[in-house]
Amino acid sequence: MPATMLDRTTGTLTIEDNSFSLGDRNDPQSPLYHVGSLPDPRVTGLLATAPGFVAVTCGVHLGGITVTTEIWDGPPEPDLDSWEDVAEVSVTWPTSPIAACGTDVDIPIALPPAPGGTYRVRDSVRHRDAGEDRGPDDPQEQHLIQIWPDTPCQDELLKATDSTGALWRAH
């Protein structure tokens, strides 16, 4: 039986330091509040996890990106044709609310219940390589974040074609 999408939201996040996060901005245990504890996206070049936290690596250092979040009841089929890099990670989130967190605005994410609070997160990205050299006619960096309840498994890189991801994997 194919998975069913439960919720979809699209918004613009302003980011800095080439990243945004998925988690609870108000969690005092978040890596956001502990110097040197941000996870490194060395495995996928796109996503990295810490307890209750996912870091998403961007090409833009400071500026706006488009983020779409989709919540599913099971794993959706990955779209490897429309996106440049696609990666998956597992994370455990407590029952507190989570969001895609930028510098000034968050995009709330309504998670379905999951046994043990464990979810799989897939990020599909395009237009990262224009980075800081992005001109006014260049497309905005886009991320599709898909989340579903799942048992923990290893980080996985499903597609790797952009230079930004290659730089992080080689870091």
N, C-alpha and C. Protein backbone atom coordinates (compact mmCIF):
# COMPACT_ATOMS: atom_id res chain seq x y z
N MET A 1 0.84 -1.18 0.00
CA MET A 1 0.00 0.00 0.00
C MET A 1 0.89 1.25 0.00
N PRO A 2 0.67 2.17 -0.94
CA PRO A 2 1.50 3.37 -0.99
C PRO A 2 1.27 4.28 0.22
N ALA A 3 2.29 5.03 0.55
CA ALA A 3 2.21 5.96 1.68
C ALA A 3 1.26 7.11 1.33
N THR A 4 0.69 7.71 2.37
CA THR A 4 -0.24 8.83 2.21
C THR A 4 0.35 10.08 2.82
N MET A 5 0.28 11.19 2.07
CA MET A 5 0.73 12.46 2.60
C MET A 5 -0.34 12.99 3.56
N LEU A 6 0.09 13.40 4.77
CA LEU A 6 -0.82 13.88 5.80
C LEU A 6 -0.86 15.41 5.88
N ASP A 7 0.24 16.07 5.50
CA ASP A 7 0.30 17.52 5.62
C ASP A 7 1.40 18.04 4.69
N ARG A 8 1.20 19.26 4.17
CA ARG A 8 2.22 19.88 3.30
C ARG A 8 2.19 21.39 3.54
N THR A 9 3.37 21.96 3.75
CA THR A 9 3.50 23.40 3.99
C THR A 9 4.73 23.90 3.24
N THR A 10 4.60 25.07 2.61
CA THR A 10 5.73 25.70 1.93
C THR A 10 5.90 27.11 2.48
N GLY A 11 7.16 27.50 2.70
CA GLY A 11 7.46 28.84 3.17
C GLY A 11 8.87 29.23 2.82
N THR A 12 9.19 30.47 3.12
CA THR A 12 10.54 30.99 2.90
C THR A 12 11.22 31.16 4.24
N LEU A 13 12.43 30.63 4.36
CA LEU A 13 13.23 30.81 5.57
C LEU A 13 14.42 31.71 5.24
N THR A 14 14.71 32.62 6.14
CA THR A 14 15.96 33.37 6.06
C THR A 14 16.96 32.59 6.89
N ILE A 15 18.14 32.33 6.31
CA ILE A 15 19.13 31.52 7.00
C ILE A 15 20.45 32.27 7.10
N GLU A 16 21.31 31.81 7.97
CA GLU A 16 22.69 32.29 8.05
C GLU A 16 23.58 31.11 8.34
N ASP A 17 24.85 31.27 8.06
CA ASP A 17 25.84 30.22 8.28
C ASP A 17 25.54 28.95 7.51
N ASN A 18 24.99 29.09 6.30
CA ASN A 18 24.75 27.97 5.39
C ASN A 18 23.90 26.85 5.96
N SER A 19 22.96 27.16 6.86
CA SER A 19 22.16 26.06 7.41
C SER A 19 20.86 26.54 8.03
N PHE A 20 19.95 25.59 8.18
CA PHE A 20 18.77 25.76 9.02
C PHE A 20 18.60 24.45 9.77
N SER A 21 17.67 24.42 10.72
CA SER A 21 17.52 23.21 11.52
C SER A 21 16.08 22.76 11.58
N LEU A 22 15.91 21.48 11.92
CA LEU A 22 14.61 20.89 12.20
C LEU A 22 14.65 20.47 13.66
N GLY A 23 13.76 21.02 14.45
CA GLY A 23 13.73 20.68 15.87
C GLY A 23 12.94 21.70 16.64
N ASP A 24 13.18 21.75 17.94
CA ASP A 24 12.49 22.67 18.84
C ASP A 24 13.46 23.79 19.21
N ARG A 25 13.22 24.98 18.70
CA ARG A 25 14.09 26.13 18.94
C ARG A 25 14.21 26.42 20.44
N ASN A 26 13.21 26.08 21.23
CA ASN A 26 13.21 26.38 22.66
C ASN A 26 13.79 25.28 23.53
N ASP A 27 14.29 24.22 22.93
CA ASP A 27 14.89 23.12 23.69
C ASP A 27 16.28 23.53 24.18
N PRO A 28 16.48 23.65 25.49
CA PRO A 28 17.79 24.08 26.00
C PRO A 28 18.91 23.07 25.72
N GLN A 29 18.56 21.84 25.35
CA GLN A 29 19.57 20.83 25.02
C GLN A 29 19.94 20.86 23.55
N SER A 30 19.29 21.70 22.77
CA SER A 30 19.56 21.78 21.33
C SER A 30 21.01 22.16 21.08
N PRO A 31 21.61 21.57 20.04
CA PRO A 31 22.98 21.96 19.67
C PRO A 31 23.11 23.45 19.33
N LEU A 32 21.99 24.10 19.05
CA LEU A 32 22.02 25.53 18.76
C LEU A 32 22.59 26.33 19.94
N TYR A 33 22.45 25.79 21.14
CA TYR A 33 22.84 26.53 22.35
C TYR A 33 24.11 26.01 23.00
N HIS A 34 24.83 25.11 22.34
CA HIS A 34 26.04 24.54 22.92
C HIS A 34 27.18 24.64 21.90
N VAL A 35 28.14 25.47 22.20
CA VAL A 35 29.25 25.71 21.29
C VAL A 35 29.94 24.40 20.92
N GLY A 36 30.16 24.21 19.63
CA GLY A 36 30.87 23.04 19.15
C GLY A 36 30.05 21.77 19.06
N SER A 37 28.71 21.86 19.28
CA SER A 37 27.93 20.62 19.27
C SER A 37 27.05 20.45 18.03
N LEU A 38 27.16 21.35 17.07
CA LEU A 38 26.39 21.15 15.84
C LEU A 38 26.93 19.95 15.08
N PRO A 39 26.04 19.07 14.61
CA PRO A 39 26.51 17.88 13.89
C PRO A 39 27.08 18.26 12.52
N ASP A 40 27.95 17.41 12.02
CA ASP A 40 28.67 17.63 10.76
C ASP A 40 28.02 16.79 9.65
N PRO A 41 27.69 17.42 8.50
CA PRO A 41 27.04 16.67 7.41
C PRO A 41 28.00 15.89 6.54
N ARG A 42 29.07 15.39 7.12
CA ARG A 42 30.13 14.71 6.38
C ARG A 42 29.64 13.47 5.61
N VAL A 43 28.67 12.75 6.15
CA VAL A 43 28.22 11.52 5.49
C VAL A 43 27.39 11.82 4.24
N THR A 44 26.41 12.72 4.36
CA THR A 44 25.51 12.98 3.24
C THR A 44 25.79 14.28 2.50
N GLY A 45 26.52 15.20 3.13
CA GLY A 45 26.73 16.51 2.52
C GLY A 45 25.50 17.38 2.56
N LEU A 46 24.46 16.91 3.23
CA LEU A 46 23.18 17.63 3.26
C LEU A 46 22.55 17.64 4.64
N LEU A 47 22.46 16.49 5.29
CA LEU A 47 21.80 16.37 6.59
C LEU A 47 22.76 15.79 7.63
N ALA A 48 22.57 16.22 8.88
CA ALA A 48 23.31 15.66 10.01
C ALA A 48 22.40 15.73 11.23
N THR A 49 22.54 14.76 12.14
CA THR A 49 21.65 14.71 13.30
C THR A 49 22.39 14.77 14.62
N ALA A 50 21.65 15.21 15.62
CA ALA A 50 22.02 15.14 17.03
C ALA A 50 20.70 14.78 17.72
N PRO A 51 20.71 14.37 18.98
CA PRO A 51 19.44 14.02 19.64
C PRO A 51 18.41 15.16 19.53
N GLY A 52 17.26 14.84 18.92
CA GLY A 52 16.18 15.80 18.79
C GLY A 52 16.44 16.93 17.82
N PHE A 53 17.40 16.77 16.89
CA PHE A 53 17.84 17.88 16.06
C PHE A 53 18.35 17.37 14.72
N VAL A 54 17.99 18.06 13.64
CA VAL A 54 18.54 17.79 12.32
C VAL A 54 19.08 19.10 11.76
N ALA A 55 20.35 19.11 11.35
CA ALA A 55 20.95 20.26 10.68
C ALA A 55 20.86 20.04 9.18
N VAL A 56 20.43 21.08 8.45
CA VAL A 56 20.30 21.02 7.00
C VAL A 56 21.31 22.00 6.40
N THR A 57 22.18 21.51 5.53
CA THR A 57 23.25 22.32 4.94
C THR A 57 22.77 22.95 3.64
N CYS A 58 23.04 24.24 3.51
CA CYS A 58 22.60 25.02 2.35
C CYS A 58 23.79 25.55 1.57
N GLY A 59 23.52 26.01 0.35
CA GLY A 59 24.53 26.69 -0.44
C GLY A 59 24.58 28.17 -0.11
N VAL A 60 23.43 28.74 0.22
CA VAL A 60 23.33 30.15 0.59
C VAL A 60 23.93 30.32 1.98
N HIS A 61 24.81 31.30 2.13
CA HIS A 61 25.38 31.58 3.46
C HIS A 61 24.41 32.43 4.27
N LEU A 62 23.87 33.48 3.69
CA LEU A 62 22.95 34.39 4.36
C LEU A 62 21.92 34.83 3.34
N GLY A 63 20.65 34.49 3.57
CA GLY A 63 19.61 34.88 2.63
C GLY A 63 18.40 33.99 2.72
N GLY A 64 17.55 34.07 1.71
CA GLY A 64 16.30 33.33 1.71
C GLY A 64 16.36 32.07 0.88
N ILE A 65 15.68 31.04 1.37
CA ILE A 65 15.52 29.77 0.66
C ILE A 65 14.06 29.35 0.77
N THR A 66 13.63 28.48 -0.12
CA THR A 66 12.27 27.94 -0.06
C THR A 66 12.32 26.55 0.56
N VAL A 67 11.46 26.32 1.55
CA VAL A 67 11.39 25.02 2.22
C VAL A 67 9.94 24.52 2.17
N THR A 68 9.79 23.30 1.67
CA THR A 68 8.50 22.63 1.71
C THR A 68 8.64 21.45 2.65
N THR A 69 7.71 21.32 3.59
CA THR A 69 7.70 20.16 4.48
C THR A 69 6.48 19.30 4.14
N GLU A 70 6.71 18.01 4.09
CA GLU A 70 5.63 17.04 3.87
C GLU A 70 5.70 16.00 4.98
N ILE A 71 4.56 15.73 5.57
CA ILE A 71 4.45 14.70 6.59
C ILE A 71 3.71 13.52 5.97
N TRP A 72 4.28 12.33 6.13
CA TRP A 72 3.73 11.12 5.52
C TRP A 72 3.46 10.08 6.60
N ASP A 73 2.58 9.13 6.28
CA ASP A 73 2.32 8.03 7.22
C ASP A 73 3.28 6.86 7.00
N GLY A 74 4.07 6.91 5.95
CA GLY A 74 5.07 5.90 5.63
C GLY A 74 6.02 6.49 4.61
N PRO A 75 7.02 5.72 4.18
CA PRO A 75 8.02 6.26 3.27
C PRO A 75 7.45 6.55 1.87
N PRO A 76 7.53 7.81 1.42
CA PRO A 76 7.13 8.11 0.05
C PRO A 76 8.24 7.70 -0.91
N GLU A 77 7.89 7.50 -2.15
CA GLU A 77 8.90 7.20 -3.17
C GLU A 77 9.79 8.42 -3.36
N PRO A 78 11.10 8.25 -3.38
CA PRO A 78 11.96 9.41 -3.62
C PRO A 78 11.88 9.85 -5.08
N ASP A 79 11.92 11.16 -5.30
CA ASP A 79 11.95 11.73 -6.64
C ASP A 79 13.41 12.06 -6.95
N LEU A 80 14.08 11.19 -7.64
CA LEU A 80 15.50 11.39 -7.93
C LEU A 80 15.73 12.12 -9.25
N ASP A 81 14.67 12.36 -10.01
CA ASP A 81 14.81 13.06 -11.29
C ASP A 81 14.79 14.58 -11.14
N SER A 82 13.98 15.10 -10.22
CA SER A 82 13.76 16.54 -10.11
C SER A 82 14.72 17.25 -9.17
N TRP A 83 15.53 16.49 -8.43
CA TRP A 83 16.36 17.08 -7.38
C TRP A 83 17.83 16.75 -7.63
N GLU A 84 18.72 17.62 -7.14
CA GLU A 84 20.16 17.45 -7.37
C GLU A 84 20.81 16.54 -6.33
N ASP A 85 20.48 16.72 -5.06
CA ASP A 85 20.97 15.85 -3.99
C ASP A 85 19.77 15.40 -3.16
N VAL A 86 19.80 14.15 -2.72
CA VAL A 86 18.73 13.60 -1.90
C VAL A 86 19.39 12.74 -0.82
N ALA A 87 19.03 13.01 0.45
CA ALA A 87 19.62 12.25 1.56
C ALA A 87 18.54 11.96 2.61
N GLU A 88 18.78 10.89 3.39
CA GLU A 88 17.87 10.52 4.48
C GLU A 88 18.66 10.28 5.75
N VAL A 89 18.04 10.66 6.89
CA VAL A 89 18.59 10.39 8.22
C VAL A 89 17.45 9.99 9.14
N SER A 90 17.79 9.38 10.26
CA SER A 90 16.82 9.05 11.31
C SER A 90 17.04 9.98 12.49
N VAL A 91 15.94 10.34 13.16
CA VAL A 91 16.02 11.22 14.32
C VAL A 91 14.89 10.85 15.28
N THR A 92 15.14 11.04 16.56
CA THR A 92 14.11 10.87 17.57
C THR A 92 13.76 12.23 18.12
N TRP A 93 12.48 12.60 17.99
CA TRP A 93 12.00 13.87 18.53
C TRP A 93 11.08 13.58 19.69
N PRO A 94 11.23 14.33 20.79
CA PRO A 94 10.28 14.20 21.89
C PRO A 94 8.92 14.71 21.45
N THR A 95 7.97 14.69 22.33
CA THR A 95 6.60 15.07 21.96
C THR A 95 6.44 16.57 21.78
N SER A 96 7.46 17.35 22.10
CA SER A 96 7.34 18.81 21.95
C SER A 96 7.21 19.18 20.48
N PRO A 97 6.67 20.37 20.19
CA PRO A 97 6.52 20.76 18.79
C PRO A 97 7.89 20.99 18.14
N ILE A 98 7.94 20.71 16.86
CA ILE A 98 9.17 20.98 16.11
C ILE A 98 8.84 21.91 14.95
N ALA A 99 9.88 22.45 14.33
CA ALA A 99 9.71 23.35 13.20
C ALA A 99 10.96 23.33 12.36
N ALA A 100 10.84 23.82 11.12
CA ALA A 100 11.99 24.16 10.32
C ALA A 100 12.37 25.56 10.77
N CYS A 101 13.55 25.70 11.38
CA CYS A 101 13.94 26.94 12.06
C CYS A 101 14.96 27.73 11.24
N GLY A 102 14.58 28.94 10.85
CA GLY A 102 15.48 29.87 10.20
C GLY A 102 15.98 30.88 11.22
N THR A 103 16.43 32.03 10.76
CA THR A 103 16.95 33.03 11.69
C THR A 103 15.85 33.85 12.33
N ASP A 104 14.72 34.03 11.62
CA ASP A 104 13.68 34.90 12.16
C ASP A 104 12.28 34.30 12.14
N VAL A 105 12.03 33.35 11.25
CA VAL A 105 10.71 32.75 11.11
C VAL A 105 10.87 31.24 11.10
N ASP A 106 9.94 30.55 11.75
CA ASP A 106 9.94 29.09 11.73
C ASP A 106 8.74 28.59 10.92
N ILE A 107 8.87 27.42 10.33
CA ILE A 107 7.75 26.75 9.67
C ILE A 107 7.36 25.58 10.57
N PRO A 108 6.22 25.68 11.28
CA PRO A 108 5.81 24.59 12.18
C PRO A 108 5.59 23.29 11.43
N ILE A 109 5.92 22.18 12.10
CA ILE A 109 5.75 20.85 11.53
C ILE A 109 4.90 20.04 12.49
N ALA A 110 3.76 19.53 12.00
CA ALA A 110 2.86 18.73 12.81
C ALA A 110 3.18 17.25 12.60
N LEU A 111 3.90 16.66 13.55
CA LEU A 111 4.31 15.26 13.41
C LEU A 111 3.19 14.31 13.81
N PRO A 112 3.04 13.20 13.08
CA PRO A 112 2.13 12.15 13.53
C PRO A 112 2.81 11.38 14.66
N PRO A 113 2.04 10.69 15.49
CA PRO A 113 2.68 9.88 16.54
C PRO A 113 3.57 8.81 15.92
N ALA A 114 4.69 8.53 16.60
CA ALA A 114 5.61 7.49 16.13
C ALA A 114 6.06 6.67 17.32
N PRO A 115 6.13 5.35 17.18
CA PRO A 115 6.64 4.53 18.27
C PRO A 115 8.05 4.97 18.66
N GLY A 116 8.23 5.32 19.91
CA GLY A 116 9.54 5.76 20.38
C GLY A 116 9.92 7.14 19.89
N GLY A 117 9.02 7.83 19.18
CA GLY A 117 9.31 9.17 18.67
C GLY A 117 10.35 9.19 17.57
N THR A 118 10.53 8.06 16.87
CA THR A 118 11.58 7.97 15.85
C THR A 118 10.99 8.20 14.46
N TYR A 119 11.68 9.06 13.69
CA TYR A 119 11.23 9.44 12.36
C TYR A 119 12.38 9.32 11.37
N ARG A 120 12.00 9.20 10.12
CA ARG A 120 12.95 9.26 9.02
C ARG A 120 12.73 10.62 8.36
N VAL A 121 13.82 11.29 8.02
CA VAL A 121 13.76 12.61 7.38
C VAL A 121 14.52 12.52 6.06
N ARG A 122 13.86 12.91 4.99
CA ARG A 122 14.50 12.96 3.67
C ARG A 122 14.51 14.43 3.23
N ASP A 123 15.66 14.89 2.77
CA ASP A 123 15.75 16.22 2.18
C ASP A 123 16.16 16.05 0.73
N SER A 124 15.37 16.65 -0.15
CA SER A 124 15.70 16.72 -1.58
C SER A 124 15.96 18.20 -1.85
N VAL A 125 17.08 18.50 -2.49
CA VAL A 125 17.48 19.90 -2.67
C VAL A 125 17.87 20.18 -4.11
N ARG A 126 17.65 21.43 -4.53
CA ARG A 126 18.13 21.88 -5.83
C ARG A 126 18.52 23.36 -5.74
N HIS A 127 19.40 23.76 -6.63
CA HIS A 127 19.88 25.14 -6.73
C HIS A 127 20.77 25.55 -5.55
N ARG A 128 21.50 24.61 -4.96
CA ARG A 128 22.44 24.96 -3.87
C ARG A 128 23.72 25.56 -4.41
N ASP A 129 24.16 25.14 -5.57
CA ASP A 129 25.49 25.52 -6.05
C ASP A 129 25.64 26.99 -6.40
N ALA A 130 24.57 27.71 -6.66
CA ALA A 130 24.69 29.14 -6.96
C ALA A 130 25.16 29.90 -5.72
N GLY A 131 24.86 29.36 -4.53
CA GLY A 131 25.35 29.90 -3.26
C GLY A 131 25.29 31.41 -3.19
N GLU A 132 26.41 32.01 -2.83
CA GLU A 132 26.49 33.46 -2.66
C GLU A 132 26.58 34.20 -3.99
N ASP A 133 26.89 33.48 -5.06
CA ASP A 133 27.00 34.12 -6.37
C ASP A 133 25.66 34.21 -7.09
N ARG A 134 24.59 33.89 -6.37
CA ARG A 134 23.25 33.87 -6.96
C ARG A 134 22.87 35.28 -7.43
N GLY A 135 22.47 35.37 -8.70
CA GLY A 135 22.03 36.64 -9.25
C GLY A 135 20.52 36.78 -9.11
N PRO A 136 19.99 37.95 -9.44
CA PRO A 136 18.55 38.18 -9.27
C PRO A 136 17.69 37.29 -10.17
N ASP A 137 18.25 36.80 -11.27
CA ASP A 137 17.49 35.93 -12.17
C ASP A 137 17.71 34.44 -11.90
N ASP A 138 18.61 34.11 -10.95
CA ASP A 138 18.85 32.71 -10.61
C ASP A 138 17.72 32.19 -9.72
N PRO A 139 17.38 30.90 -9.87
CA PRO A 139 16.32 30.34 -9.01
C PRO A 139 16.77 30.28 -7.55
N GLN A 140 15.79 30.41 -6.65
CA GLN A 140 16.07 30.32 -5.22
C GLN A 140 16.35 28.86 -4.83
N GLU A 141 17.25 28.69 -3.88
CA GLU A 141 17.54 27.35 -3.35
C GLU A 141 16.25 26.76 -2.79
N GLN A 142 15.99 25.48 -3.09
CA GLN A 142 14.76 24.82 -2.66
C GLN A 142 15.07 23.51 -1.94
N HIS A 143 14.35 23.29 -0.83
CA HIS A 143 14.46 22.04 -0.06
C HIS A 143 13.07 21.44 0.09
N LEU A 144 12.96 20.14 -0.16
CA LEU A 144 11.75 19.38 0.12
C LEU A 144 12.08 18.44 1.28
N ILE A 145 11.50 18.72 2.43
CA ILE A 145 11.72 17.90 3.64
C ILE A 145 10.52 16.97 3.79
N GLN A 146 10.77 15.66 3.71
CA GLN A 146 9.71 14.66 3.88
C GLN A 146 10.00 13.89 5.16
N ILE A 147 8.97 13.75 6.02
CA ILE A 147 9.14 13.12 7.33
C ILE A 147 8.06 12.06 7.51
N TRP A 148 8.45 10.89 8.05
CA TRP A 148 7.49 9.84 8.35
C TRP A 148 7.99 9.03 9.54
N PRO A 149 7.06 8.40 10.28
CA PRO A 149 7.48 7.53 11.39
C PRO A 149 8.23 6.32 10.84
N ASP A 150 9.34 5.95 11.51
CA ASP A 150 10.12 4.82 11.03
C ASP A 150 11.09 4.37 12.11
N THR A 151 11.60 3.18 11.96
CA THR A 151 12.62 2.70 12.89
C THR A 151 13.97 3.30 12.49
N PRO A 152 14.87 3.46 13.44
CA PRO A 152 16.17 4.07 13.12
C PRO A 152 16.97 3.21 12.14
N CYS A 153 17.65 3.88 11.23
CA CYS A 153 18.61 3.22 10.34
C CYS A 153 19.68 4.23 9.94
N GLN A 154 20.70 3.75 9.25
CA GLN A 154 21.85 4.58 8.92
C GLN A 154 21.50 5.74 8.00
N ASP A 155 22.31 6.80 8.10
CA ASP A 155 22.20 7.91 7.16
C ASP A 155 22.44 7.36 5.76
N GLU A 156 21.71 7.91 4.79
CA GLU A 156 21.83 7.38 3.44
C GLU A 156 21.81 8.52 2.42
N LEU A 157 22.71 8.49 1.49
CA LEU A 157 22.76 9.43 0.38
C LEU A 157 22.14 8.73 -0.83
N LEU A 158 21.00 9.23 -1.30
CA LEU A 158 20.28 8.60 -2.41
C LEU A 158 20.71 9.15 -3.76
N LYS A 159 21.12 10.43 -3.78
CA LYS A 159 21.58 11.04 -5.03
C LYS A 159 22.56 12.15 -4.67
N ALA A 160 23.63 12.25 -5.41
CA ALA A 160 24.66 13.26 -5.15
C ALA A 160 25.17 13.81 -6.47
N THR A 161 24.76 15.04 -6.81
CA THR A 161 25.24 15.65 -8.04
C THR A 161 25.73 17.08 -7.86
N ASP A 162 25.38 17.74 -6.74
CA ASP A 162 25.81 19.14 -6.63
C ASP A 162 27.18 19.26 -5.97
N SER A 163 27.85 20.35 -6.27
CA SER A 163 29.21 20.60 -5.76
C SER A 163 29.22 20.93 -4.28
N THR A 164 28.16 21.58 -3.80
CA THR A 164 28.08 21.94 -2.38
C THR A 164 28.13 20.68 -1.51
N GLY A 165 27.33 19.68 -1.86
CA GLY A 165 27.33 18.43 -1.11
C GLY A 165 28.68 17.73 -1.18
N ALA A 166 29.29 17.75 -2.36
CA ALA A 166 30.61 17.11 -2.52
C ALA A 166 31.64 17.77 -1.61
N LEU A 167 31.59 19.09 -1.49
CA LEU A 167 32.53 19.80 -0.60
C LEU A 167 32.34 19.37 0.86
N TRP A 168 31.08 19.27 1.30
CA TRP A 168 30.84 18.86 2.70
C TRP A 168 31.25 17.41 2.94
N ARG A 169 31.02 16.53 1.97
CA ARG A 169 31.40 15.12 2.15
C ARG A 169 32.91 14.98 2.20
N ALA A 170 33.64 15.85 1.49
CA ALA A 170 35.11 15.79 1.46
C ALA A 170 35.74 16.52 2.64
N HIS A 171 34.93 17.28 3.37
CA HIS A 171 35.44 18.12 4.49
C HIS A 171 36.08 17.27 5.57
